[in-house]
């Protein structure tokens, strides 16, 4: 199966997709990895996760106006449902995403 283009996943997914804009060198981004995993698990896997490395996809970062990382955008069929930058608690993340799961 060919690897899907992140843009296609964002625009075509019938499920809600949480896009995590990150970089390998970003400490706060790494701190957030287990938080995101736990939050999505708590939501029963109803929201998919797509990680986008801003260094490898500068055009996507620019398209969505990512100025700082970590940054999260929740999409469904290409529409932005929610977005937030910075470190966020698991509880806050679950609260925010619950309505979309």
Protein backbone atom coordinates (compact mmCIF):
# COMPACT_ATOMS: atom_id res chain seq x y z
CA UNK A 1 0.00 0.00 0.00
CA UNK A 2 1.52 3.37 -0.99
CA UNK A 3 2.23 5.83 1.77
CA UNK A 4 -0.54 8.42 1.85
CA UNK A 5 0.19 12.07 1.39
CA UNK A 6 -0.56 13.95 4.67
CA UNK A 7 -2.70 16.42 2.69
CA UNK A 8 -4.86 13.56 1.39
CA UNK A 9 -5.31 12.11 4.87
CA UNK A 10 -6.40 15.53 6.17
CA UNK A 11 -8.83 16.24 3.34
CA UNK A 12 -10.30 12.77 2.79
CA UNK A 13 -10.56 11.13 6.20
CA UNK A 14 -14.14 10.47 7.31
CA UNK A 15 -12.85 10.22 10.88
CA UNK A 16 -11.60 13.13 12.92
CA UNK A 17 -7.81 13.42 12.54
CA UNK A 18 -5.65 15.13 15.14
CA UNK A 19 -2.59 16.53 13.39
CA UNK A 20 0.43 16.96 15.64
CA UNK A 21 2.89 19.45 14.13
CA UNK A 22 6.24 18.71 15.78
CA UNK A 23 10.02 18.55 15.29
CA UNK A 24 12.52 15.96 16.51
CA UNK A 25 14.57 18.63 18.31
CA UNK A 26 11.53 20.05 20.17
CA UNK A 27 11.53 19.08 23.87
CA UNK A 28 7.91 20.08 24.58
CA UNK A 29 6.82 18.07 21.50
CA UNK A 30 8.43 14.94 22.98
CA UNK A 31 6.85 15.65 26.36
CA UNK A 32 3.45 15.67 24.66
CA UNK A 33 3.78 12.30 22.87
CA UNK A 34 2.58 10.11 25.78
CA UNK A 35 -0.07 12.72 26.69
CA UNK A 36 -1.56 12.56 23.19
CA UNK A 37 -1.40 8.75 23.09
CA UNK A 38 -3.18 8.46 26.44
CA UNK A 39 -5.84 11.02 25.52
CA UNK A 40 -6.63 9.33 22.20
CA UNK A 41 -6.74 5.95 23.91
CA UNK A 42 -9.14 7.36 26.49
CA UNK A 43 -11.38 8.51 23.62
CA UNK A 44 -11.57 4.91 22.38
CA UNK A 45 -9.43 5.36 19.28
CA UNK A 46 -12.20 7.30 17.54
CA UNK A 47 -9.79 10.08 16.59
CA UNK A 48 -6.84 9.24 14.35
CA UNK A 49 -3.40 10.77 14.89
CA UNK A 50 -1.24 12.19 12.12
CA UNK A 51 2.21 13.47 13.09
CA UNK A 52 3.74 16.04 10.75
CA UNK A 53 7.39 16.97 11.14
CA UNK A 54 7.58 20.71 10.42
CA UNK A 55 11.17 20.37 9.18
CA UNK A 56 10.14 17.79 6.55
CA UNK A 57 6.86 19.49 5.58
CA UNK A 58 7.50 23.26 5.72
CA UNK A 59 4.82 23.96 3.08
CA UNK A 60 2.10 22.25 5.15
CA UNK A 61 3.21 24.10 8.28
CA UNK A 62 3.04 27.36 6.37
CA UNK A 63 -0.35 26.52 4.83
CA UNK A 64 -1.88 26.04 8.29
CA UNK A 65 -0.08 29.02 9.84
CA UNK A 66 2.04 27.02 12.29
CA UNK A 67 4.34 29.52 13.99
CA UNK A 68 5.29 27.54 17.08
CA UNK A 69 5.40 23.90 18.03
CA UNK A 70 3.96 21.73 19.37
CA UNK A 71 0.73 22.69 17.59
CA UNK A 72 -2.40 20.60 17.20
CA UNK A 73 -5.20 20.89 14.67
CA UNK A 74 -8.24 18.61 14.59
CA UNK A 75 -9.62 18.04 11.09
CA UNK A 76 -12.62 16.20 9.71
CA UNK A 77 -13.03 15.96 5.93
CA UNK A 78 -10.51 18.79 5.53
CA UNK A 79 -12.29 21.21 7.87
CA UNK A 80 -10.61 22.56 10.99
CA UNK A 81 -12.72 21.74 14.05
CA UNK A 82 -10.26 22.81 16.76
CA UNK A 83 -6.67 24.01 17.09
CA UNK A 84 -4.27 24.76 19.91
CA UNK A 85 -0.58 25.50 20.26
CA UNK A 86 1.75 24.62 23.09
CA UNK A 87 1.81 22.07 25.87
CA UNK A 88 -1.63 20.91 27.02
CA UNK A 89 -2.69 18.53 29.79
CA UNK A 90 -4.21 15.15 28.98
CA UNK A 91 -7.39 16.18 30.80
CA UNK A 92 -7.72 19.39 28.79
CA UNK A 93 -7.01 17.53 25.54
CA UNK A 94 -9.66 14.90 26.30
CA UNK A 95 -12.18 17.66 27.23
CA UNK A 96 -11.53 19.49 23.97
CA UNK A 97 -11.67 16.42 21.73
CA UNK A 98 -14.52 14.58 23.46
CA UNK A 99 -17.19 16.33 21.43
CA UNK A 100 -15.58 15.28 18.16
CA UNK A 101 -14.88 11.62 18.94
